[in-house]
Amino acid sequence: MHSPEPDCVHELLGHVPLLADPEFAEFSQEIGLASLGVSDDEITKLSTLYWFTVEFGLCKEPDGIKAYGAGLLSSYGELEHALSDVPERRPFEPFSTAVEPYQDQNYQSVYFVADSFEDAKIKFRQYTATMKRPFAVHYNTDTQTIDVLDTAEKLLYRFRTLKAQVDHLYNAMTILTNLRTA
């Protein structure tokens, strides 16, 4: 049902266009970051969430349900199946989606539909906030590194950095507002 590995079609038609979108790339990265410091059971749940979103996700649009998962976008047969009346479609809710069994030998029997891609991200973040871990992580876009926030000092430093960035944005907004009213 799928092309043999390595699957260049899947990567080029499925993942590359989506990962070129900054919001989608951030969502995919958040799934990986959420795995740091959690139990093997939580990693299994995250991989299931990855499967039903990044690989086989569906999303509501004003003109109907659309596919955004790379596994769907790179397989016309599975895409046709997913959008037909054959499979079951359920609302995307990470707590139930994370424990849904999946297989990769046949078309999926169930797909999860997000109200919007933004809604999927919000629900995913709410889900990961409940995961137990000994530290928090933050991806630092300036240094392209992962900051482990495991001490009060590190958290305070990150907060001060964020506050400085917000202050710069506020100053820029003030300048633009003053230019428009002048």
N, C-alpha and C. Protein backbone atom coordinates (compact mmCIF):
# COMPACT_ATOMS: atom_id res chain seq x y z
N MET A 1 0.81 -1.20 0.00
CA MET A 1 0.00 0.00 0.00
C MET A 1 0.86 1.27 0.00
N HIS A 2 2.11 1.13 0.39
CA HIS A 2 3.01 2.28 0.42
C HIS A 2 4.22 1.97 -0.45
N SER A 3 4.91 2.99 -0.91
CA SER A 3 6.11 2.77 -1.70
C SER A 3 7.23 2.28 -0.77
N PRO A 4 8.18 1.55 -1.32
CA PRO A 4 9.24 0.97 -0.47
C PRO A 4 10.17 2.04 0.10
N GLU A 5 10.81 1.70 1.22
CA GLU A 5 11.76 2.61 1.86
C GLU A 5 13.08 2.59 1.09
N PRO A 6 13.87 3.62 1.02
CA PRO A 6 13.48 4.96 1.47
C PRO A 6 12.46 5.55 0.51
N ASP A 7 11.53 6.24 1.05
CA ASP A 7 10.40 6.72 0.29
C ASP A 7 10.57 8.20 -0.07
N CYS A 8 11.23 8.45 -1.18
CA CYS A 8 11.48 9.83 -1.61
C CYS A 8 10.19 10.56 -1.94
N VAL A 9 9.21 9.84 -2.53
CA VAL A 9 7.94 10.47 -2.87
C VAL A 9 7.27 10.99 -1.60
N HIS A 10 7.25 10.15 -0.57
CA HIS A 10 6.64 10.54 0.70
C HIS A 10 7.33 11.77 1.28
N GLU A 11 8.64 11.77 1.28
CA GLU A 11 9.38 12.90 1.84
C GLU A 11 9.18 14.17 1.02
N LEU A 12 9.29 14.07 -0.30
CA LEU A 12 9.22 15.25 -1.16
C LEU A 12 7.80 15.81 -1.31
N LEU A 13 6.80 14.94 -1.44
CA LEU A 13 5.43 15.42 -1.62
C LEU A 13 4.70 15.60 -0.31
N GLY A 14 5.08 14.83 0.71
CA GLY A 14 4.38 14.88 1.98
C GLY A 14 5.00 15.82 2.97
N HIS A 15 6.25 15.56 3.35
CA HIS A 15 6.86 16.33 4.43
C HIS A 15 7.45 17.68 4.00
N VAL A 16 8.17 17.72 2.90
CA VAL A 16 8.90 18.95 2.54
C VAL A 16 7.98 20.16 2.41
N PRO A 17 6.88 20.10 1.67
CA PRO A 17 6.02 21.30 1.58
C PRO A 17 5.48 21.74 2.94
N LEU A 18 5.11 20.78 3.78
CA LEU A 18 4.56 21.14 5.08
C LEU A 18 5.63 21.73 5.99
N LEU A 19 6.81 21.14 5.96
CA LEU A 19 7.88 21.66 6.83
C LEU A 19 8.39 23.01 6.35
N ALA A 20 8.06 23.40 5.14
CA ALA A 20 8.40 24.74 4.66
C ALA A 20 7.49 25.79 5.28
N ASP A 21 6.37 25.36 5.85
CA ASP A 21 5.47 26.27 6.55
C ASP A 21 5.95 26.40 7.99
N PRO A 22 6.34 27.60 8.43
CA PRO A 22 6.91 27.76 9.78
C PRO A 22 6.02 27.25 10.91
N GLU A 23 4.70 27.46 10.80
CA GLU A 23 3.81 27.00 11.88
C GLU A 23 3.76 25.48 11.95
N PHE A 24 3.71 24.84 10.80
CA PHE A 24 3.68 23.38 10.79
C PHE A 24 5.02 22.82 11.27
N ALA A 25 6.13 23.42 10.84
CA ALA A 25 7.45 22.97 11.27
C ALA A 25 7.59 23.10 12.79
N GLU A 26 7.06 24.18 13.34
CA GLU A 26 7.10 24.37 14.79
C GLU A 26 6.28 23.29 15.50
N PHE A 27 5.11 22.96 14.95
CA PHE A 27 4.27 21.91 15.53
C PHE A 27 5.01 20.57 15.52
N SER A 28 5.61 20.23 14.41
CA SER A 28 6.35 18.98 14.30
C SER A 28 7.51 18.96 15.30
N GLN A 29 8.20 20.08 15.42
CA GLN A 29 9.31 20.19 16.36
C GLN A 29 8.82 20.06 17.81
N GLU A 30 7.66 20.62 18.10
CA GLU A 30 7.12 20.54 19.46
C GLU A 30 6.85 19.10 19.87
N ILE A 31 6.45 18.27 18.93
CA ILE A 31 6.25 16.86 19.25
C ILE A 31 7.57 16.24 19.69
N GLY A 32 8.63 16.54 18.97
CA GLY A 32 9.95 16.03 19.35
C GLY A 32 10.42 16.58 20.68
N LEU A 33 10.25 17.87 20.90
CA LEU A 33 10.67 18.48 22.16
C LEU A 33 9.89 17.91 23.34
N ALA A 34 8.62 17.58 23.12
CA ALA A 34 7.78 17.04 24.19
C ALA A 34 8.29 15.69 24.67
N SER A 35 9.06 15.00 23.83
CA SER A 35 9.55 13.67 24.20
C SER A 35 10.73 13.71 25.17
N LEU A 36 11.37 14.85 25.30
CA LEU A 36 12.57 14.95 26.14
C LEU A 36 12.21 14.85 27.62
N GLY A 37 12.77 13.84 28.28
CA GLY A 37 12.59 13.69 29.72
C GLY A 37 11.33 12.97 30.15
N VAL A 38 10.54 12.46 29.20
CA VAL A 38 9.30 11.76 29.59
C VAL A 38 9.51 10.24 29.57
N SER A 39 8.55 9.53 30.09
CA SER A 39 8.62 8.07 30.17
C SER A 39 8.48 7.44 28.78
N ASP A 40 8.85 6.17 28.69
CA ASP A 40 8.68 5.43 27.44
C ASP A 40 7.21 5.36 27.04
N ASP A 41 6.32 5.25 28.01
CA ASP A 41 4.89 5.21 27.73
C ASP A 41 4.44 6.52 27.08
N GLU A 42 4.94 7.66 27.59
CA GLU A 42 4.58 8.96 27.00
C GLU A 42 5.17 9.10 25.59
N ILE A 43 6.36 8.56 25.37
CA ILE A 43 6.96 8.62 24.03
C ILE A 43 6.11 7.82 23.05
N THR A 44 5.60 6.68 23.48
CA THR A 44 4.71 5.89 22.63
C THR A 44 3.46 6.70 22.28
N LYS A 45 2.91 7.40 23.26
CA LYS A 45 1.73 8.23 23.01
C LYS A 45 2.06 9.38 22.06
N LEU A 46 3.23 9.97 22.22
CA LEU A 46 3.63 11.05 21.31
C LEU A 46 3.82 10.54 19.89
N SER A 47 4.39 9.35 19.75
CA SER A 47 4.56 8.80 18.41
C SER A 47 3.20 8.51 17.76
N THR A 48 2.22 8.12 18.57
CA THR A 48 0.87 7.91 18.05
C THR A 48 0.26 9.24 17.63
N LEU A 49 0.45 10.28 18.43
CA LEU A 49 -0.03 11.61 18.05
C LEU A 49 0.64 12.08 16.76
N TYR A 50 1.93 11.82 16.62
CA TYR A 50 2.65 12.15 15.39
C TYR A 50 2.00 11.43 14.21
N TRP A 51 1.72 10.14 14.39
CA TRP A 51 1.13 9.33 13.34
C TRP A 51 -0.20 9.92 12.86
N PHE A 52 -1.05 10.28 13.82
CA PHE A 52 -2.39 10.75 13.47
C PHE A 52 -2.46 12.25 13.16
N THR A 53 -1.34 12.95 13.23
CA THR A 53 -1.33 14.37 12.85
C THR A 53 -0.36 14.59 11.69
N VAL A 54 0.92 14.55 11.97
CA VAL A 54 1.93 14.85 10.96
C VAL A 54 1.87 13.87 9.78
N GLU A 55 1.52 12.63 10.03
CA GLU A 55 1.44 11.64 8.95
C GLU A 55 0.04 11.50 8.36
N PHE A 56 -1.00 11.45 9.19
CA PHE A 56 -2.34 11.15 8.70
C PHE A 56 -3.41 12.11 9.22
N GLY A 57 -3.04 13.37 9.42
CA GLY A 57 -3.97 14.34 9.95
C GLY A 57 -4.94 14.89 8.93
N LEU A 58 -6.16 15.12 9.41
CA LEU A 58 -7.20 15.78 8.63
C LEU A 58 -7.64 17.04 9.38
N CYS A 59 -8.14 18.01 8.63
CA CYS A 59 -8.50 19.28 9.23
C CYS A 59 -9.73 19.84 8.53
N LYS A 60 -10.61 20.46 9.31
CA LYS A 60 -11.79 21.10 8.73
C LYS A 60 -11.38 22.41 8.06
N GLU A 61 -11.97 22.65 6.94
CA GLU A 61 -11.81 23.90 6.21
C GLU A 61 -13.21 24.37 5.83
N PRO A 62 -13.39 25.62 5.49
CA PRO A 62 -14.74 26.09 5.12
C PRO A 62 -15.39 25.27 3.99
N ASP A 63 -14.58 24.76 3.08
CA ASP A 63 -15.14 24.01 1.96
C ASP A 63 -15.04 22.49 2.13
N GLY A 64 -14.81 22.04 3.37
CA GLY A 64 -14.80 20.60 3.63
C GLY A 64 -13.56 20.16 4.39
N ILE A 65 -13.42 18.85 4.53
CA ILE A 65 -12.28 18.28 5.25
C ILE A 65 -11.10 18.19 4.29
N LYS A 66 -9.94 18.60 4.77
CA LYS A 66 -8.70 18.58 3.98
C LYS A 66 -7.66 17.76 4.70
N ALA A 67 -6.76 17.18 3.94
CA ALA A 67 -5.65 16.40 4.50
C ALA A 67 -4.45 17.30 4.69
N TYR A 68 -3.75 17.11 5.80
CA TYR A 68 -2.46 17.78 5.98
C TYR A 68 -1.35 16.81 6.35
N GLY A 69 -1.67 15.57 6.59
CA GLY A 69 -0.67 14.57 6.95
C GLY A 69 0.13 14.11 5.74
N ALA A 70 1.44 13.98 5.92
CA ALA A 70 2.33 13.60 4.82
C ALA A 70 2.02 12.21 4.27
N GLY A 71 1.58 11.29 5.13
CA GLY A 71 1.21 9.96 4.66
C GLY A 71 0.03 10.00 3.72
N LEU A 72 -0.87 10.95 3.93
CA LEU A 72 -2.02 11.12 3.05
C LEU A 72 -1.63 11.86 1.78
N LEU A 73 -0.84 12.90 1.92
CA LEU A 73 -0.49 13.73 0.77
C LEU A 73 0.41 13.00 -0.23
N SER A 74 1.09 11.96 0.21
CA SER A 74 1.99 11.24 -0.68
C SER A 74 1.42 9.91 -1.15
N SER A 75 0.18 9.63 -0.82
CA SER A 75 -0.45 8.37 -1.23
C SER A 75 -1.86 8.66 -1.72
N TYR A 76 -2.03 8.71 -3.05
CA TYR A 76 -3.35 9.05 -3.57
C TYR A 76 -4.40 8.02 -3.15
N GLY A 77 -4.02 6.76 -3.01
CA GLY A 77 -4.97 5.73 -2.59
C GLY A 77 -5.45 5.96 -1.17
N GLU A 78 -4.50 6.24 -0.26
CA GLU A 78 -4.88 6.48 1.13
C GLU A 78 -5.63 7.80 1.26
N LEU A 79 -5.24 8.79 0.49
CA LEU A 79 -5.95 10.08 0.51
C LEU A 79 -7.40 9.89 0.06
N GLU A 80 -7.59 9.17 -1.00
CA GLU A 80 -8.94 8.90 -1.49
C GLU A 80 -9.75 8.14 -0.44
N HIS A 81 -9.11 7.15 0.20
CA HIS A 81 -9.76 6.37 1.26
C HIS A 81 -10.13 7.27 2.44
N ALA A 82 -9.20 8.11 2.87
CA ALA A 82 -9.41 8.97 4.05
C ALA A 82 -10.57 9.94 3.84
N LEU A 83 -10.75 10.40 2.63
CA LEU A 83 -11.80 11.38 2.34
C LEU A 83 -13.11 10.73 1.88
N SER A 84 -13.13 9.40 1.84
CA SER A 84 -14.35 8.68 1.46
C SER A 84 -15.23 8.47 2.69
N ASP A 85 -16.33 7.77 2.49
CA ASP A 85 -17.24 7.45 3.59
C ASP A 85 -16.86 6.16 4.31
N VAL A 86 -15.77 5.51 3.91
CA VAL A 86 -15.40 4.22 4.47
C VAL A 86 -14.82 4.31 5.89
N PRO A 87 -13.79 5.12 6.12
CA PRO A 87 -13.20 5.11 7.47
C PRO A 87 -14.03 5.92 8.47
N GLU A 88 -13.78 5.65 9.73
CA GLU A 88 -14.39 6.43 10.80
C GLU A 88 -13.58 7.71 10.98
N ARG A 89 -14.26 8.82 11.21
CA ARG A 89 -13.59 10.08 11.51
C ARG A 89 -14.03 10.53 12.89
N ARG A 90 -13.04 10.88 13.71
CA ARG A 90 -13.32 11.34 15.07
C ARG A 90 -12.67 12.71 15.25
N PRO A 91 -13.22 13.51 16.16
CA PRO A 91 -12.58 14.80 16.47
C PRO A 91 -11.19 14.57 17.07
N PHE A 92 -10.25 15.44 16.71
CA PHE A 92 -8.91 15.34 17.27
C PHE A 92 -8.93 15.82 18.71
N GLU A 93 -8.70 14.89 19.60
CA GLU A 93 -8.55 15.15 21.03
C GLU A 93 -7.32 14.37 21.48
N PRO A 94 -6.21 15.04 21.77
CA PRO A 94 -4.97 14.33 22.04
C PRO A 94 -5.05 13.23 23.09
N PHE A 95 -5.83 13.42 24.13
CA PHE A 95 -5.88 12.40 25.19
C PHE A 95 -6.44 11.08 24.68
N SER A 96 -7.41 11.12 23.79
CA SER A 96 -7.95 9.87 23.22
C SER A 96 -7.16 9.43 21.98
N THR A 97 -6.72 10.39 21.19
CA THR A 97 -5.94 10.06 20.00
C THR A 97 -4.65 9.34 20.37
N ALA A 98 -4.01 9.76 21.44
CA ALA A 98 -2.70 9.22 21.84
C ALA A 98 -2.74 7.74 22.19
N VAL A 99 -3.91 7.21 22.49
CA VAL A 99 -4.01 5.80 22.88
C VAL A 99 -4.72 4.96 21.82
N GLU A 100 -5.00 5.54 20.67
CA GLU A 100 -5.65 4.80 19.59
C GLU A 100 -4.62 3.93 18.87
N PRO A 101 -4.86 2.64 18.75
CA PRO A 101 -3.91 1.80 18.03
C PRO A 101 -3.88 2.17 16.54
N TYR A 102 -2.72 2.04 15.94
CA TYR A 102 -2.61 2.26 14.50
C TYR A 102 -1.74 1.16 13.91
N GLN A 103 -1.81 1.04 12.62
CA GLN A 103 -0.98 0.08 11.91
C GLN A 103 -0.51 0.73 10.62
N ASP A 104 0.55 0.18 10.04
CA ASP A 104 1.09 0.79 8.83
C ASP A 104 1.08 -0.17 7.63
N GLN A 105 0.31 -1.24 7.71
CA GLN A 105 0.27 -2.19 6.61
C GLN A 105 -0.93 -1.98 5.67
N ASN A 106 -1.97 -1.33 6.16
CA ASN A 106 -3.17 -1.07 5.37
C ASN A 106 -3.61 0.37 5.60
N TYR A 107 -4.65 0.77 4.88
CA TYR A 107 -5.20 2.08 5.11
C TYR A 107 -5.74 2.16 6.54
N GLN A 108 -5.75 3.34 7.09
CA GLN A 108 -6.25 3.52 8.45
C GLN A 108 -7.76 3.28 8.50
N SER A 109 -8.21 2.74 9.60
CA SER A 109 -9.66 2.56 9.76
C SER A 109 -10.28 3.76 10.46
N VAL A 110 -9.44 4.59 11.09
CA VAL A 110 -9.93 5.79 11.77
C VAL A 110 -8.93 6.92 11.51
N TYR A 111 -9.48 8.11 11.33
CA TYR A 111 -8.68 9.34 11.17
C TYR A 111 -9.22 10.36 12.16
N PHE A 112 -8.36 11.26 12.56
CA PHE A 112 -8.76 12.30 13.50
C PHE A 112 -8.78 13.64 12.79
N VAL A 113 -9.86 14.37 13.00
CA VAL A 113 -10.09 15.63 12.29
C VAL A 113 -10.00 16.79 13.28
N ALA A 114 -9.08 17.69 13.02
CA ALA A 114 -8.94 18.89 13.85
C ALA A 114 -9.92 19.95 13.35
N ASP A 115 -10.44 20.76 14.27
CA ASP A 115 -11.32 21.86 13.87
C ASP A 115 -10.57 22.87 13.02
N SER A 116 -9.27 23.04 13.28
CA SER A 116 -8.38 23.87 12.49
C SER A 116 -6.97 23.44 12.87
N PHE A 117 -6.01 23.83 12.08
CA PHE A 117 -4.64 23.47 12.45
C PHE A 117 -4.24 24.19 13.74
N GLU A 118 -4.69 25.42 13.90
CA GLU A 118 -4.42 26.17 15.14
C GLU A 118 -5.03 25.45 16.35
N ASP A 119 -6.24 24.93 16.19
CA ASP A 119 -6.89 24.19 17.26
C ASP A 119 -6.08 22.94 17.62
N ALA A 120 -5.56 22.25 16.62
CA ALA A 120 -4.74 21.06 16.88
C ALA A 120 -3.50 21.42 17.69
N LYS A 121 -2.87 22.54 17.35
CA LYS A 121 -1.67 22.97 18.09
C LYS A 121 -2.02 23.31 19.54
N ILE A 122 -3.11 24.02 19.73
CA ILE A 122 -3.52 24.40 21.10
C ILE A 122 -3.82 23.16 21.92
N LYS A 123 -4.57 22.23 21.36
CA LYS A 123 -4.90 21.00 22.09
C LYS A 123 -3.65 20.17 22.38
N PHE A 124 -2.73 20.14 21.42
CA PHE A 124 -1.49 19.39 21.65
C PHE A 124 -0.70 20.01 22.80
N ARG A 125 -0.60 21.32 22.82
CA ARG A 125 0.14 22.00 23.90
C ARG A 125 -0.52 21.77 25.25
N GLN A 126 -1.84 21.76 25.28
CA GLN A 126 -2.54 21.46 26.54
C GLN A 126 -2.24 20.03 26.98
N TYR A 127 -2.19 19.12 26.05
CA TYR A 127 -1.87 17.73 26.36
C TYR A 127 -0.45 17.61 26.93
N THR A 128 0.52 18.21 26.24
CA THR A 128 1.91 18.07 26.70
C THR A 128 2.16 18.76 28.03
N ALA A 129 1.34 19.75 28.36
CA ALA A 129 1.49 20.43 29.66
C ALA A 129 1.17 19.49 30.82
N THR A 130 0.45 18.42 30.55
CA THR A 130 0.10 17.47 31.61
C THR A 130 1.13 16.35 31.77
N MET A 131 2.09 16.30 30.86
CA MET A 131 3.09 15.23 30.90
C MET A 131 4.09 15.48 32.03
N LYS A 132 4.44 14.43 32.72
CA LYS A 132 5.39 14.54 33.84
C LYS A 132 6.82 14.42 33.31
N ARG A 133 7.64 15.38 33.73
CA ARG A 133 9.06 15.36 33.37
C ARG A 133 9.83 16.16 34.41
N PRO A 134 11.11 15.88 34.56
CA PRO A 134 11.89 16.56 35.60
C PRO A 134 12.35 17.98 35.23
N PHE A 135 12.03 18.41 34.01
CA PHE A 135 12.48 19.72 33.54
C PHE A 135 11.59 20.17 32.39
N ALA A 136 11.72 21.42 32.03
CA ALA A 136 11.03 21.95 30.85
C ALA A 136 12.10 22.23 29.79
N VAL A 137 11.68 22.31 28.55
CA VAL A 137 12.62 22.61 27.47
C VAL A 137 12.08 23.77 26.64
N HIS A 138 13.00 24.46 26.01
CA HIS A 138 12.64 25.56 25.12
C HIS A 138 13.62 25.54 23.95
N TYR A 139 13.09 25.64 22.74
CA TYR A 139 13.96 25.73 21.58
C TYR A 139 14.36 27.18 21.38
N ASN A 140 15.65 27.43 21.42
CA ASN A 140 16.19 28.77 21.28
C ASN A 140 16.46 29.02 19.79
N THR A 141 15.62 29.84 19.17
CA THR A 141 15.76 30.09 17.73
C THR A 141 17.01 30.89 17.40
N ASP A 142 17.50 31.67 18.36
CA ASP A 142 18.72 32.46 18.11
C ASP A 142 19.95 31.57 17.99
N THR A 143 20.06 30.60 18.88
CA THR A 143 21.25 29.74 18.88
C THR A 143 20.98 28.38 18.24
N GLN A 144 19.72 28.12 17.89
CA GLN A 144 19.28 26.84 17.33
C GLN A 144 19.70 25.68 18.23
N THR A 145 19.45 25.88 19.51
CA THR A 145 19.75 24.85 20.50
C THR A 145 18.54 24.67 21.40
N ILE A 146 18.57 23.59 22.15
CA ILE A 146 17.50 23.32 23.11
C ILE A 146 17.99 23.73 24.48
N ASP A 147 17.25 24.64 25.12
CA ASP A 147 17.56 25.05 26.48
C ASP A 147 16.79 24.16 27.45
N VAL A 148 17.50 23.55 28.37
CA VAL A 148 16.86 22.75 29.42
C VAL A 148 16.62 23.69 30.59
N LEU A 149 15.37 23.87 30.95
CA LEU A 149 15.00 24.79 32.03
C LEU A 149 14.77 23.97 33.28
N ASP A 150 15.87 23.70 33.99
CA ASP A 150 15.78 22.83 35.17
C ASP A 150 16.21 23.52 36.46
N THR A 151 16.47 24.82 36.38
CA THR A 151 16.80 25.58 37.59
C THR A 151 16.05 26.92 37.55
N ALA A 152 15.89 27.52 38.70
CA ALA A 152 15.22 28.82 38.77
C ALA A 152 16.02 29.87 38.00
N GLU A 153 17.34 29.78 38.03
CA GLU A 153 18.19 30.76 37.33
C GLU A 153 17.98 30.68 35.82
N LYS A 154 17.90 29.47 35.29
CA LYS A 154 17.70 29.32 33.85
C LYS A 154 16.32 29.84 33.44
N LEU A 155 15.33 29.55 34.24
CA LEU A 155 13.98 30.01 33.96
C LEU A 155 13.91 31.54 34.03
N LEU A 156 14.53 32.13 35.03
CA LEU A 156 14.55 33.58 35.17
C LEU A 156 15.27 34.22 33.98
N TYR A 157 16.39 33.64 33.55
CA TYR A 157 17.11 34.16 32.39
C TYR A 157 16.23 34.11 31.15
N ARG A 158 15.52 32.99 30.94
CA ARG A 158 14.64 32.85 29.79
C ARG A 158 13.50 33.87 29.86
N PHE A 159 12.96 34.08 31.06
CA PHE A 159 11.89 35.05 31.24
C PHE A 159 12.39 36.46 30.92
N ARG A 160 13.57 36.81 31.40
CA ARG A 160 14.12 38.15 31.13
C ARG A 160 14.37 38.35 29.64
N THR A 161 14.85 37.32 28.98
CA THR A 161 15.08 37.40 27.53
C THR A 161 13.76 37.62 26.80
N LEU A 162 12.74 36.88 27.20
CA LEU A 162 11.42 37.03 26.60
C LEU A 162 10.86 38.42 26.86
N LYS A 163 11.02 38.92 28.08
CA LYS A 163 10.54 40.26 28.42
C LYS A 163 11.23 41.33 27.56
N ALA A 164 12.54 41.17 27.35
CA ALA A 164 13.27 42.12 26.51
C ALA A 164 12.73 42.10 25.08
N GLN A 165 12.42 40.91 24.58
CA GLN A 165 11.87 40.81 23.22
C GLN A 165 10.50 41.46 23.14
N VAL A 166 9.67 41.27 24.14
CA VAL A 166 8.34 41.90 24.17
C VAL A 166 8.49 43.42 24.26
N ASP A 167 9.44 43.89 25.06
CA ASP A 167 9.69 45.33 25.17
C ASP A 167 10.09 45.92 23.82
N HIS A 168 10.95 45.22 23.07
CA HIS A 168 11.36 45.69 21.75
C HIS A 168 10.17 45.75 20.79
N LEU A 169 9.32 44.75 20.85
CA LEU A 169 8.13 44.74 19.99
C LEU A 169 7.17 45.86 20.38
N TYR A 170 7.00 46.10 21.67
CA TYR A 170 6.13 47.17 22.14
C TYR A 170 6.67 48.53 21.66
N ASN A 171 7.98 48.73 21.76
CA ASN A 171 8.59 49.99 21.30
C ASN A 171 8.38 50.17 19.80
N ALA A 172 8.54 49.10 19.04
CA ALA A 172 8.32 49.19 17.60
C ALA A 172 6.87 49.53 17.29
N MET A 173 5.94 48.93 18.03
CA MET A 173 4.52 49.21 17.83
C MET A 173 4.22 50.67 18.17
N THR A 174 4.83 51.18 19.22
CA THR A 174 4.63 52.58 19.61
C THR A 174 5.14 53.51 18.52
N ILE A 175 6.30 53.21 17.96
CA ILE A 175 6.87 54.04 16.89
C ILE A 175 5.94 54.04 15.68
N LEU A 176 5.46 52.85 15.28
CA LEU A 176 4.57 52.77 14.12
C LEU A 176 3.26 53.51 14.37
N THR A 177 2.72 53.38 15.57
CA THR A 177 1.48 54.06 15.92
C THR A 177 1.66 55.56 15.86
N ASN A 178 2.78 56.04 16.38
CA ASN A 178 3.05 57.49 16.37
C ASN A 178 3.26 57.99 14.95
N LEU A 179 3.87 57.20 14.08
CA LEU A 179 4.06 57.61 12.68
C LEU A 179 2.73 57.71 11.95
N ARG A 180 1.81 56.81 12.26
CA ARG A 180 0.51 56.83 11.59
C ARG A 180 -0.37 57.98 12.05
N THR A 181 -0.21 58.40 13.31
CA THR A 181 -1.05 59.49 13.82
C THR A 181 -0.43 60.86 13.58
N ALA A 182 0.81 60.89 13.14
CA ALA A 182 1.47 62.18 12.90
C ALA A 182 1.11 62.78 11.58
